[in-house]
Amino acid sequence: MLCALVALAPALPAKDKKKPTPPAVIAGTVFRDAGFALPGAQVAAVPDPPAKKKQEWKAVADARGEFVLRVPGGPASYNVVVRAAGYRPQEKKVTVAADERLDFNFLLEPGGESK
């Protein structure tokens, strides 16, 4: 009998749970002079303007010079900085509007910092 009463009870409203915002993706390829891939390049995305607590997303370019960073979905702006030993760093400002994917190419020139 109790089962029948439970089945007849009005449905309770579902708790209002916020779904997490899907991440945005900043991806690309790092090249060196002559158009060859630059594996091992350090890639970092920093919020612009900077957040109160220091936040940074990092990746390392793979053997083909490719990298992927997953950042919180937008709207948001980031400074993406690419560094590699023996090359000048390069920086680009990017803006994500939502949970989108943005692709960029970086061409690093020789003569920068060495590690």
PDB file of N, CA and C in Angstrom:
ATOM      1  N   MET A   1       0.807  -1.182   0.000  1.00  0.00           N
ATOM      2  CA  MET A   1       0.000   0.000   0.000  1.00  0.00           C
ATOM      3  C   MET A   1       0.859   1.259   0.000  1.00  0.00           C
ATOM      4  N   LEU A   2       1.952   1.209   0.707  1.00  0.00           N
ATOM      5  CA  LEU A   2       2.854   2.347   0.767  1.00  0.00           C
ATOM      6  C   LEU A   2       3.414   2.658  -0.616  1.00  0.00           C
ATOM      7  N   CYS A   3       3.695   1.638  -1.395  1.00  0.00           N
ATOM      8  CA  CYS A   3       4.205   1.845  -2.749  1.00  0.00           C
ATOM      9  C   CYS A   3       3.200   2.604  -3.596  1.00  0.00           C
ATOM     10  N   ALA A   4       1.951   2.319  -3.415  1.00  0.00           N
ATOM     11  CA  ALA A   4       0.917   2.992  -4.197  1.00  0.00           C
ATOM     12  C   ALA A   4       0.832   4.462  -3.826  1.00  0.00           C
ATOM     13  N   LEU A   5       1.015   4.780  -2.558  1.00  0.00           N
ATOM     14  CA  LEU A   5       0.966   6.170  -2.127  1.00  0.00           C
ATOM     15  C   LEU A   5       2.161   6.962  -2.664  1.00  0.00           C
ATOM     16  N   VAL A   6       3.300   6.334  -2.686  1.00  0.00           N
ATOM     17  CA  VAL A   6       4.486   7.001  -3.205  1.00  0.00           C
ATOM     18  C   VAL A   6       4.306   7.280  -4.690  1.00  0.00           C
ATOM     19  N   ALA A   7       3.721   6.338  -5.399  1.00  0.00           N
ATOM     20  CA  ALA A   7       3.513   6.510  -6.830  1.00  0.00           C
ATOM     21  C   ALA A   7       2.516   7.625  -7.106  1.00  0.00           C
ATOM     22  N   LEU A   8       1.560   7.868  -6.214  1.00  0.00           N
ATOM     23  CA  LEU A   8       0.553   8.891  -6.417  1.00  0.00           C
ATOM     24  C   LEU A   8       0.995  10.263  -5.910  1.00  0.00           C
ATOM     25  N   ALA A   9       2.067  10.310  -5.153  1.00  0.00           N
ATOM     26  CA  ALA A   9       2.548  11.589  -4.608  1.00  0.00           C
ATOM     27  C   ALA A   9       3.002  12.487  -5.742  1.00  0.00           C
ATOM     28  N   PRO A  10       2.777  13.790  -5.600  1.00  0.00           N
ATOM     29  CA  PRO A  10       3.213  14.698  -6.662  1.00  0.00           C
ATOM     30  C   PRO A  10       4.739  14.686  -6.790  1.00  0.00           C
ATOM     31  N   ALA A  11       5.182  14.848  -8.017  1.00  0.00           N
ATOM     32  CA  ALA A  11       6.624  14.844  -8.269  1.00  0.00           C
ATOM     33  C   ALA A  11       7.245  16.086  -7.647  1.00  0.00           C
ATOM     34  N   LEU A  12       8.345  15.880  -6.980  1.00  0.00           N
ATOM     35  CA  LEU A  12       9.055  17.007  -6.377  1.00  0.00           C
ATOM     36  C   LEU A  12       9.878  17.705  -7.443  1.00  0.00           C
ATOM     37  N   PRO A  13       9.968  19.023  -7.379  1.00  0.00           N
ATOM     38  CA  PRO A  13      10.784  19.721  -8.382  1.00  0.00           C
ATOM     39  C   PRO A  13      12.253  19.325  -8.229  1.00  0.00           C
ATOM     40  N   ALA A  14      12.907  19.188  -9.348  1.00  0.00           N
ATOM     41  CA  ALA A  14      14.326  18.826  -9.322  1.00  0.00           C
ATOM     42  C   ALA A  14      15.107  19.994  -8.747  1.00  0.00           C
ATOM     43  N   LYS A  15      16.164  19.658  -8.047  1.00  0.00           N
ATOM     44  CA  LYS A  15      17.009  20.716  -7.493  1.00  0.00           C
ATOM     45  C   LYS A  15      17.638  21.491  -8.646  1.00  0.00           C
ATOM     46  N   ASP A  16      17.713  22.788  -8.472  1.00  0.00           N
ATOM     47  CA  ASP A  16      18.283  23.658  -9.510  1.00  0.00           C
ATOM     48  C   ASP A  16      19.800  23.570  -9.454  1.00  0.00           C
ATOM     49  N   LYS A  17      20.344  22.694 -10.258  1.00  0.00           N
ATOM     50  CA  LYS A  17      21.797  22.527 -10.296  1.00  0.00           C
ATOM     51  C   LYS A  17      22.334  23.235 -11.521  1.00  0.00           C
ATOM     52  N   LYS A  18      23.345  24.044 -11.308  1.00  0.00           N
ATOM     53  CA  LYS A  18      23.983  24.707 -12.441  1.00  0.00           C
ATOM     54  C   LYS A  18      24.956  23.749 -13.087  1.00  0.00           C
ATOM     55  N   LYS A  19      24.833  23.635 -14.383  1.00  0.00           N
ATOM     56  CA  LYS A  19      25.795  22.804 -15.109  1.00  0.00           C
ATOM     57  C   LYS A  19      27.087  23.593 -15.254  1.00  0.00           C
ATOM     58  N   PRO A  20      28.222  22.940 -15.107  1.00  0.00           N
ATOM     59  CA  PRO A  20      29.472  23.671 -15.301  1.00  0.00           C
ATOM     60  C   PRO A  20      29.597  24.125 -16.755  1.00  0.00           C
ATOM     61  N   THR A  21      30.177  25.291 -16.929  1.00  0.00           N
ATOM     62  CA  THR A  21      30.370  25.823 -18.275  1.00  0.00           C
ATOM     63  C   THR A  21      31.408  24.973 -18.995  1.00  0.00           C
ATOM     64  N   PRO A  22      31.114  24.527 -20.212  1.00  0.00           N
ATOM     65  CA  PRO A  22      32.108  23.740 -20.956  1.00  0.00           C
ATOM     66  C   PRO A  22      33.353  24.589 -21.233  1.00  0.00           C
ATOM     67  N   PRO A  23      34.517  23.965 -21.248  1.00  0.00           N
ATOM     68  CA  PRO A  23      35.735  24.734 -21.482  1.00  0.00           C
ATOM     69  C   PRO A  23      35.859  25.198 -22.935  1.00  0.00           C
ATOM     70  N   ALA A  24      36.623  26.249 -23.102  1.00  0.00           N
ATOM     71  CA  ALA A  24      37.017  26.692 -24.436  1.00  0.00           C
ATOM     72  C   ALA A  24      38.381  26.064 -24.712  1.00  0.00           C
ATOM     73  N   VAL A  25      38.728  25.963 -25.969  1.00  0.00           N
ATOM     74  CA  VAL A  25      40.004  25.360 -26.351  1.00  0.00           C
ATOM     75  C   VAL A  25      40.816  26.368 -27.158  1.00  0.00           C
ATOM     76  N   ILE A  26      42.041  26.591 -26.705  1.00  0.00           N
ATOM     77  CA  ILE A  26      42.999  27.398 -27.464  1.00  0.00           C
ATOM     78  C   ILE A  26      44.056  26.409 -27.936  1.00  0.00           C
ATOM     79  N   ALA A  27      44.165  26.257 -29.235  1.00  0.00           N
ATOM     80  CA  ALA A  27      45.076  25.257 -29.796  1.00  0.00           C
ATOM     81  C   ALA A  27      45.889  25.892 -30.910  1.00  0.00           C
ATOM     82  N   GLY A  28      46.908  25.183 -31.346  1.00  0.00           N
ATOM     83  CA  GLY A  28      47.692  25.707 -32.454  1.00  0.00           C
ATOM     84  C   GLY A  28      48.978  24.949 -32.662  1.00  0.00           C
ATOM     85  N   THR A  29      49.829  25.562 -33.472  1.00  0.00           N
ATOM     86  CA  THR A  29      51.112  24.963 -33.816  1.00  0.00           C
ATOM     87  C   THR A  29      52.197  26.015 -33.681  1.00  0.00           C
ATOM     88  N   VAL A  30      53.339  25.595 -33.161  1.00  0.00           N
ATOM     89  CA  VAL A  30      54.489  26.478 -33.022  1.00  0.00           C
ATOM     90  C   VAL A  30      55.508  26.075 -34.084  1.00  0.00           C
ATOM     91  N   PHE A  31      55.927  27.066 -34.873  1.00  0.00           N
ATOM     92  CA  PHE A  31      56.907  26.836 -35.928  1.00  0.00           C
ATOM     93  C   PHE A  31      58.178  27.619 -35.638  1.00  0.00           C
ATOM     94  N   ARG A  32      59.271  27.171 -36.208  1.00  0.00           N
ATOM     95  CA  ARG A  32      60.519  27.924 -36.170  1.00  0.00           C
ATOM     96  C   ARG A  32      60.812  28.366 -37.589  1.00  0.00           C
ATOM     97  N   ASP A  33      61.918  29.089 -37.776  1.00  0.00           N
ATOM     98  CA  ASP A  33      62.277  29.577 -39.107  1.00  0.00           C
ATOM     99  C   ASP A  33      62.241  28.440 -40.124  1.00  0.00           C
ATOM    100  N   ALA A  34      61.998  28.762 -41.339  1.00  0.00           N
ATOM    101  CA  ALA A  34      61.877  27.823 -42.458  1.00  0.00           C
ATOM    102  C   ALA A  34      60.619  26.966 -42.371  1.00  0.00           C
ATOM    103  N   GLY A  35      59.715  27.281 -41.433  1.00  0.00           N
ATOM    104  CA  GLY A  35      58.439  26.593 -41.368  1.00  0.00           C
ATOM    105  C   GLY A  35      58.449  25.223 -40.728  1.00  0.00           C
ATOM    106  N   PHE A  36      59.526  24.880 -40.028  1.00  0.00           N
ATOM    107  CA  PHE A  36      59.582  23.585 -39.353  1.00  0.00           C
ATOM    108  C   PHE A  36      58.928  23.676 -37.979  1.00  0.00           C
ATOM    109  N   ALA A  37      58.346  22.562 -37.528  1.00  0.00           N
ATOM    110  CA  ALA A  37      57.710  22.518 -36.204  1.00  0.00           C
ATOM    111  C   ALA A  37      58.759  22.755 -35.123  1.00  0.00           C
ATOM    112  N   LEU A  38      58.315  23.312 -34.007  1.00  0.00           N
ATOM    113  CA  LEU A  38      59.207  23.571 -32.881  1.00  0.00           C
ATOM    114  C   LEU A  38      58.689  22.815 -31.667  1.00  0.00           C
ATOM    115  N   PRO A  39      59.081  21.541 -31.552  1.00  0.00           N
ATOM    116  CA  PRO A  39      58.629  20.759 -30.395  1.00  0.00           C
ATOM    117  C   PRO A  39      59.256  21.274 -29.111  1.00  0.00           C
ATOM    118  N   GLY A  40      58.546  21.098 -28.006  1.00  0.00           N
ATOM    119  CA  GLY A  40      59.063  21.481 -26.701  1.00  0.00           C
ATOM    120  C   GLY A  40      58.841  22.939 -26.334  1.00  0.00           C
ATOM    121  N   ALA A  41      58.230  23.720 -27.216  1.00  0.00           N
ATOM    122  CA  ALA A  41      57.959  25.125 -26.893  1.00  0.00           C
ATOM    123  C   ALA A  41      56.963  25.185 -25.734  1.00  0.00           C
ATOM    124  N   GLN A  42      57.185  26.120 -24.825  1.00  0.00           N
ATOM    125  CA  GLN A  42      56.315  26.311 -23.669  1.00  0.00           C
ATOM    126  C   GLN A  42      55.211  27.302 -24.041  1.00  0.00           C
ATOM    127  N   VAL A  43      53.959  26.921 -23.803  1.00  0.00           N
ATOM    128  CA  VAL A  43      52.816  27.774 -24.137  1.00  0.00           C
ATOM    129  C   VAL A  43      52.045  28.039 -22.845  1.00  0.00           C
ATOM    130  N   ALA A  44      51.694  29.307 -22.616  1.00  0.00           N
ATOM    131  CA  ALA A  44      50.933  29.666 -21.418  1.00  0.00           C
ATOM    132  C   ALA A  44      49.846  30.664 -21.791  1.00  0.00           C
ATOM    133  N   ALA A  45      48.678  30.516 -21.168  1.00  0.00           N
ATOM    134  CA  ALA A  45      47.569  31.463 -21.336  1.00  0.00           C
ATOM    135  C   ALA A  45      47.287  32.092 -19.980  1.00  0.00           C
ATOM    136  N   VAL A  46      47.284  33.421 -19.945  1.00  0.00           N
ATOM    137  CA  VAL A  46      47.051  34.173 -18.714  1.00  0.00           C
ATOM    138  C   VAL A  46      45.851  35.083 -18.950  1.00  0.00           C
ATOM    139  N   PRO A  47      44.885  35.129 -18.018  1.00  0.00           N
ATOM    140  CA  PRO A  47      43.722  35.998 -18.201  1.00  0.00           C
ATOM    141  C   PRO A  47      44.135  37.459 -18.389  1.00  0.00           C
ATOM    142  N   ASP A  48      43.384  38.161 -19.235  1.00  0.00           N
ATOM    143  CA  ASP A  48      43.631  39.575 -19.466  1.00  0.00           C
ATOM    144  C   ASP A  48      42.308  40.323 -19.344  1.00  0.00           C
ATOM    145  N   PRO A  49      42.099  41.131 -18.329  1.00  0.00           N
ATOM    146  CA  PRO A  49      43.059  41.550 -17.315  1.00  0.00           C
ATOM    147  C   PRO A  49      43.328  40.421 -16.323  1.00  0.00           C
ATOM    148  N   PRO A  50      44.482  40.497 -15.638  1.00  0.00           N
ATOM    149  CA  PRO A  50      44.852  39.436 -14.696  1.00  0.00           C
ATOM    150  C   PRO A  50      43.800  39.255 -13.599  1.00  0.00           C
ATOM    151  N   ALA A  51      43.599  38.011 -13.203  1.00  0.00           N
ATOM    152  CA  ALA A  51      42.655  37.696 -12.129  1.00  0.00           C
ATOM    153  C   ALA A  51      43.285  38.044 -10.781  1.00  0.00           C
ATOM    154  N   LYS A  52      42.451  38.138  -9.759  1.00  0.00           N
ATOM    155  CA  LYS A  52      42.965  38.446  -8.418  1.00  0.00           C
ATOM    156  C   LYS A  52      43.967  37.398  -7.969  1.00  0.00           C
ATOM    157  N   LYS A  53      43.606  36.146  -8.128  1.00  0.00           N
ATOM    158  CA  LYS A  53      44.583  35.105  -7.819  1.00  0.00           C
ATOM    159  C   LYS A  53      45.238  34.694  -9.133  1.00  0.00           C
ATOM    160  N   LYS A  54      46.520  34.464  -9.072  1.00  0.00           N
ATOM    161  CA  LYS A  54      47.264  34.182 -10.300  1.00  0.00           C
ATOM    162  C   LYS A  54      46.786  32.867 -10.912  1.00  0.00           C
ATOM    163  N   GLN A  55      46.289  32.966 -12.132  1.00  0.00           N
ATOM    164  CA  GLN A  55      45.851  31.787 -12.868  1.00  0.00           C
ATOM    165  C   GLN A  55      46.616  31.730 -14.170  1.00  0.00           C
ATOM    166  N   GLU A  56      46.972  30.531 -14.548  1.00  0.00           N
ATOM    167  CA  GLU A  56      47.715  30.338 -15.791  1.00  0.00           C
ATOM    168  C   GLU A  56      47.483  28.907 -16.253  1.00  0.00           C
ATOM    169  N   TRP A  57      47.262  28.748 -17.541  1.00  0.00           N
ATOM    170  CA  TRP A  57      47.105  27.426 -18.130  1.00  0.00           C
ATOM    171  C   TRP A  57      48.319  27.189 -19.003  1.00  0.00           C
ATOM    172  N   LYS A  58      48.935  26.013 -18.876  1.00  0.00           N
ATOM    173  CA  LYS A  58      50.196  25.744 -19.583  1.00  0.00           C
ATOM    174  C   LYS A  58      50.106  24.471 -20.411  1.00  0.00           C
ATOM    175  N   ALA A  59      50.921  24.461 -21.466  1.00  0.00           N
ATOM    176  CA  ALA A  59      51.060  23.275 -22.312  1.00  0.00           C
ATOM    177  C   ALA A  59      52.457  23.293 -22.915  1.00  0.00           C
ATOM    178  N   VAL A  60      52.866  22.154 -23.436  1.00  0.00           N
ATOM    179  CA  VAL A  60      54.143  22.025 -24.131  1.00  0.00           C
ATOM    180  C   VAL A  60      53.844  21.503 -25.527  1.00  0.00           C
ATOM    181  N   ALA A  61      54.441  22.139 -26.531  1.00  0.00           N
ATOM    182  CA  ALA A  61      54.228  21.710 -27.915  1.00  0.00           C
ATOM    183  C   ALA A  61      54.789  20.296 -28.095  1.00  0.00           C
ATOM    184  N   ASP A  62      54.024  19.456 -28.787  1.00  0.00           N
ATOM    185  CA  ASP A  62      54.444  18.070 -29.006  1.00  0.00           C
ATOM    186  C   ASP A  62      55.461  17.977 -30.148  1.00  0.00           C
ATOM    187  N   ALA A  63      55.752  16.771 -30.601  1.00  0.00           N
ATOM    188  CA  ALA A  63      56.764  16.542 -31.646  1.00  0.00           C
ATOM    189  C   ALA A  63      56.419  17.242 -32.952  1.00  0.00           C
ATOM    190  N   ARG A  64      55.138  17.512 -33.180  1.00  0.00           N
ATOM    191  CA  ARG A  64      54.729  18.221 -34.401  1.00  0.00           C
ATOM    192  C   ARG A  64      54.534  19.709 -34.154  1.00  0.00           C
ATOM    193  N   GLY A  65      54.906  20.185 -32.955  1.00  0.00           N
ATOM    194  CA  GLY A  65      54.771  21.593 -32.613  1.00  0.00           C
ATOM    195  C   GLY A  65      53.369  21.983 -32.193  1.00  0.00           C
ATOM    196  N   GLU A  66      52.486  21.015 -32.013  1.00  0.00           N
ATOM    197  CA  GLU A  66      51.085  21.305 -31.694  1.00  0.00           C
ATOM    198  C   GLU A  66      50.855  21.362 -30.190  1.00  0.00           C
ATOM    199  N   PHE A  67      49.915  22.217 -29.780  1.00  0.00           N
ATOM    200  CA  PHE A  67      49.559  22.341 -28.369  1.00  0.00           C
ATOM    201  C   PHE A  67      48.055  22.519 -28.236  1.00  0.00           C
ATOM    202  N   VAL A  68      47.546  22.224 -27.034  1.00  0.00           N
ATOM    203  CA  VAL A  68      46.126  22.412 -26.721  1.00  0.00           C
ATOM    204  C   VAL A  68      46.031  22.908 -25.281  1.00  0.00           C
ATOM    205  N   LEU A  69      45.287  23.989 -25.096  1.00  0.00           N
ATOM    206  CA  LEU A  69      45.002  24.519 -23.764  1.00  0.00           C
ATOM    207  C   LEU A  69      43.493  24.531 -23.575  1.00  0.00           C
ATOM    208  N   ARG A  70      43.018  24.003 -22.454  1.00  0.00           N
ATOM    209  CA  ARG A  70      41.598  24.072 -22.123  1.00  0.00           C
ATOM    210  C   ARG A  70      41.449  25.140 -21.045  1.00  0.00           C
ATOM    211  N   VAL A  71      40.696  26.191 -21.377  1.00  0.00           N
ATOM    212  CA  VAL A  71      40.486  27.305 -20.464  1.00  0.00           C
ATOM    213  C   VAL A  71      38.989  27.417 -20.183  1.00  0.00           C
ATOM    214  N   PRO A  72      38.604  28.114 -19.097  1.00  0.00           N
ATOM    215  CA  PRO A  72      37.172  28.262 -18.832  1.00  0.00           C
ATOM    216  C   PRO A  72      36.462  28.924 -20.010  1.00  0.00           C
ATOM    217  N   GLY A  73      35.247  28.469 -20.274  1.00  0.00           N
ATOM    218  CA  GLY A  73      34.464  29.040 -21.368  1.00  0.00           C
ATOM    219  C   GLY A  73      34.242  30.527 -21.169  1.00  0.00           C
ATOM    220  N   GLY A  74      34.122  31.255 -22.254  1.00  0.00           N
ATOM    221  CA  GLY A  74      34.056  32.705 -22.243  1.00  0.00           C
ATOM    222  C   GLY A  74      32.718  33.249 -21.832  1.00  0.00           C
ATOM    223  N   PRO A  75      32.554  34.542 -21.923  1.00  0.00           N
ATOM    224  CA  PRO A  75      33.485  35.455 -22.585  1.00  0.00           C
ATOM    225  C   PRO A  75      34.696  35.760 -21.697  1.00  0.00           C
ATOM    226  N   ALA A  76      35.862  35.722 -22.313  1.00  0.00           N
ATOM    227  CA  ALA A  76      37.106  36.003 -21.601  1.00  0.00           C
ATOM    228  C   ALA A  76      38.216  36.284 -22.605  1.00  0.00           C
ATOM    229  N   SER A  77      39.208  37.026 -22.140  1.00  0.00           N
ATOM    230  CA  SER A  77      40.389  37.309 -22.967  1.00  0.00           C
ATOM    231  C   SER A  77      41.618  36.751 -22.279  1.00  0.00           C
ATOM    232  N   TYR A  78      42.568  36.313 -23.085  1.00  0.00           N
ATOM    233  CA  TYR A  78      43.810  35.728 -22.574  1.00  0.00           C
ATOM    234  C   TYR A  78      44.993  36.245 -23.375  1.00  0.00           C
ATOM    235  N   ASN A  79      46.125  36.368 -22.711  1.00  0.00           N
ATOM    236  CA  ASN A  79      47.393  36.582 -23.396  1.00  0.00           C
ATOM    237  C   ASN A  79      48.050  35.214 -23.507  1.00  0.00           C
ATOM    238  N   VAL A  80      48.280  34.775 -24.723  1.00  0.00           N
ATOM    239  CA  VAL A  80      48.933  33.488 -24.954  1.00  0.00           C
ATOM    240  C   VAL A  80      50.382  33.787 -25.305  1.00  0.00           C
ATOM    241  N   VAL A  81      51.299  33.243 -24.502  1.00  0.00           N
ATOM    242  CA  VAL A  81      52.726  33.487 -24.667  1.00  0.00           C
ATOM    243  C   VAL A  81      53.407  32.174 -24.998  1.00  0.00           C
ATOM    244  N   VAL A  82      54.252  32.208 -26.047  1.00  0.00           N
ATOM    245  CA  VAL A  82      54.998  31.020 -26.463  1.00  0.00           C
ATOM    246  C   VAL A  82      56.485  31.323 -26.309  1.00  0.00           C
ATOM    247  N   ARG A  83      57.209  30.402 -25.641  1.00  0.00           N
ATOM    248  CA  ARG A  83      58.643  30.560 -25.412  1.00  0.00           C
ATOM    249  C   ARG A  83      59.366  29.265 -25.755  1.00  0.00           C
ATOM    250  N   ALA A  84      60.579  29.412 -26.254  1.00  0.00           N
ATOM    251  CA  ALA A  84      61.459  28.260 -26.500  1.00  0.00           C
ATOM    252  C   ALA A  84      62.898  28.751 -26.387  1.00  0.00           C
ATOM    253  N   ALA A  85      63.750  27.916 -25.850  1.00  0.00           N
ATOM    254  CA  ALA A  85      65.159  28.273 -25.680  1.00  0.00           C
ATOM    255  C   ALA A  85      65.766  28.619 -27.029  1.00  0.00           C
ATOM    256  N   GLY A  86      66.464  29.763 -27.078  1.00  0.00           N
ATOM    257  CA  GLY A  86      67.126  30.189 -28.299  1.00  0.00           C
ATOM    258  C   GLY A  86      66.240  30.948 -29.266  1.00  0.00           C
ATOM    259  N   TYR A  87      64.983  31.218 -28.877  1.00  0.00           N
ATOM    260  CA  TYR A  87      64.031  31.916 -29.748  1.00  0.00           C
ATOM    261  C   TYR A  87      63.399  33.079 -28.998  1.00  0.00           C
ATOM    262  N   ARG A  88      63.002  34.101 -29.737  1.00  0.00           N
ATOM    263  CA  ARG A  88      62.296  35.229 -29.134  1.00  0.00           C
ATOM    264  C   ARG A  88      60.876  34.795 -28.797  1.00  0.00           C
ATOM    265  N   PRO A  89      60.412  35.137 -27.603  1.00  0.00           N
ATOM    266  CA  PRO A  89      59.030  34.777 -27.254  1.00  0.00           C
ATOM    267  C   PRO A  89      58.035  35.543 -28.124  1.00  0.00           C
ATOM    268  N   GLN A  90      56.866  34.982 -28.268  1.00  0.00           N
ATOM    269  CA  GLN A  90      55.808  35.634 -29.043  1.00  0.00           C
ATOM    270  C   GLN A  90      54.538  35.603 -28.208  1.00  0.00           C
ATOM    271  N   GLU A  91      53.752  36.663 -28.315  1.00  0.00           N
ATOM    272  CA  GLU A  91      52.531  36.786 -27.523  1.00  0.00           C
ATOM    273  C   GLU A  91      51.379  37.217 -28.421  1.00  0.00           C
ATOM    274  N   LYS A  92      50.202  36.640 -28.165  1.00  0.00           N
ATOM    275  CA  LYS A  92      48.987  37.032 -28.884  1.00  0.00           C
ATOM    276  C   LYS A  92      47.866  37.158 -27.865  1.00  0.00           C
ATOM    277  N   LYS A  93      47.030  38.175 -28.060  1.00  0.00           N
ATOM    278  CA  LYS A  93      45.847  38.323 -27.232  1.00  0.00           C
ATOM    279  C   LYS A  93      44.693  37.638 -27.953  1.00  0.00           C
ATOM    280  N   VAL A  94      43.989  36.754 -27.228  1.00  0.00           N
ATOM    281  CA  VAL A  94      42.876  36.021 -27.822  1.00  0.00           C
ATOM    282  C   VAL A  94      41.634  36.219 -26.957  1.00  0.00           C
ATOM    283  N   THR A  95      40.481  36.168 -27.591  1.00  0.00           N
ATOM    284  CA  THR A  95      39.217  36.317 -26.885  1.00  0.00           C
ATOM    285  C   THR A  95      38.324  35.136 -27.233  1.00  0.00           C
ATOM    286  N   VAL A  96      37.826  34.476 -26.197  1.00  0.00           N
ATOM    287  CA  VAL A  96      36.875  33.387 -26.407  1.00  0.00           C
ATOM    288  C   VAL A  96      35.497  33.896 -26.013  1.00  0.00           C
ATOM    289  N   ALA A  97      34.506  33.557 -26.816  1.00  0.00           N
ATOM    290  CA  ALA A  97      33.146  34.033 -26.576  1.00  0.00           C
ATOM    291  C   ALA A  97      32.326  33.017 -25.778  1.00  0.00           C
ATOM    292  N   ALA A  98      32.644  31.750 -25.909  1.00  0.00           N
ATOM    293  CA  ALA A  98      31.888  30.695 -25.227  1.00  0.00           C
ATOM    294  C   ALA A  98      32.760  29.452 -25.153  1.00  0.00           C
ATOM    295  N   ASP A  99      32.138  28.303 -25.357  1.00  0.00           N
ATOM    296  CA  ASP A  99      32.874  27.036 -25.334  1.00  0.00           C
ATOM    297  C   ASP A  99      33.331  26.697 -26.749  1.00  0.00           C
ATOM    298  N   GLU A 100      34.142  27.564 -27.314  1.00  0.00           N
ATOM    299  CA  GLU A 100      34.583  27.408 -28.696  1.00  0.00           C
ATOM    300  C   GLU A 100      36.034  26.951 -28.760  1.00  0.00           C
ATOM    301  N   ARG A 101      36.477  26.646 -29.963  1.00  0.00           N
ATOM    302  CA  ARG A 101      37.874  26.277 -30.213  1.00  0.00           C
ATOM    303  C   ARG A 101      38.487  27.353 -31.103  1.00  0.00           C
ATOM    304  N   LEU A 102      39.639  27.860 -30.667  1.00  0.00           N
ATOM    305  CA  LEU A 102      40.387  28.843 -31.442  1.00  0.00           C
ATOM    306  C   LEU A 102      41.737  28.241 -31.801  1.00  0.00           C
ATOM    307  N   ASP A 103      42.142  28.368 -33.061  1.00  0.00           N
ATOM    308  CA  ASP A 103      43.422  27.823 -33.524  1.00  0.00           C
ATOM    309  C   ASP A 103      44.341  28.949 -33.963  1.00  0.00           C
ATOM    310  N   PHE A 104      45.606  28.872 -33.538  1.00  0.00           N
ATOM    311  CA  PHE A 104      46.595  29.891 -33.859  1.00  0.00           C
ATOM    312  C   PHE A 104      47.910  29.234 -34.257  1.00  0.00           C
ATOM    313  N   ASN A 105      48.659  29.922 -35.101  1.00  0.00           N
ATOM    314  CA  ASN A 105      50.016  29.513 -35.439  1.00  0.00           C
ATOM    315  C   ASN A 105      50.977  30.548 -34.890  1.00  0.00           C
ATOM    316  N   PHE A 106      52.088  30.089 -34.364  1.00  0.00           N
ATOM    317  CA  PHE A 106      53.134  30.963 -33.866  1.00  0.00           C
ATOM    318  C   PHE A 106      54.409  30.643 -34.628  1.00  0.00           C
ATOM    319  N   LEU A 107      55.107  31.679 -35.096  1.00  0.00           N
ATOM    320  CA  LEU A 107      56.383  31.517 -35.786  1.00  0.00           C
ATOM    321  C   LEU A 107      57.436  32.222 -34.941  1.00  0.00           C
ATOM    322  N   LEU A 108      58.278  31.435 -34.266  1.00  0.00           N
ATOM    323  CA  LEU A 108      59.296  32.014 -33.398  1.00  0.00           C
ATOM    324  C   LEU A 108      60.575  32.267 -34.179  1.00  0.00           C
ATOM    325  N   GLU A 109      61.168  33.422 -33.920  1.00  0.00           N
ATOM    326  CA  GLU A 109      62.400  33.801 -34.585  1.00  0.00           C
ATOM    327  C   GLU A 109      63.592  33.494 -33.685  1.00  0.00           C
ATOM    328  N   PRO A 110      64.703  33.067 -34.253  1.00  0.00           N
ATOM    329  CA  PRO A 110      65.884  32.766 -33.433  1.00  0.00           C
ATOM    330  C   PRO A 110      66.439  34.036 -32.788  1.00  0.00           C
ATOM    331  N   GLY A 111      67.205  33.811 -31.719  1.00  0.00           N
ATOM    332  CA  GLY A 111      67.913  34.915 -31.103  1.00  0.00           C
ATOM    333  C   GLY A 111      67.366  35.355 -29.784  1.00  0.00           C
ATOM    334  N   GLY A 112      66.443  34.659 -29.222  1.00  0.00           N
ATOM    335  CA  GLY A 112      65.866  35.065 -27.942  1.00  0.00           C
ATOM    336  C   GLY A 112      66.601  34.474 -26.775  1.00  0.00           C
ATOM    337  N   GLU A 113      65.879  34.348 -25.695  1.00  0.00           N
ATOM    338  CA  GLU A 113      66.436  33.840 -24.441  1.00  0.00           C
ATOM    339  C   GLU A 113      66.908  32.405 -24.600  1.00  0.00           C
ATOM    340  N   SER A 114      67.932  32.060 -23.862  1.00  0.00           N
ATOM    341  CA  SER A 114      68.412  30.667 -23.870  1.00  0.00           C
ATOM    342  C   SER A 114      68.322  30.125 -22.466  1.00  0.00           C
ATOM    343  N   LYS A 115      68.026  28.851 -22.383  1.00  0.00           N
ATOM    344  CA  LYS A 115      67.877  28.213 -21.061  1.00  0.00           C
ATOM    345  C   LYS A 115      68.926  27.163 -20.876  1.00  0.00           C
TER     346      LYS A 115
END
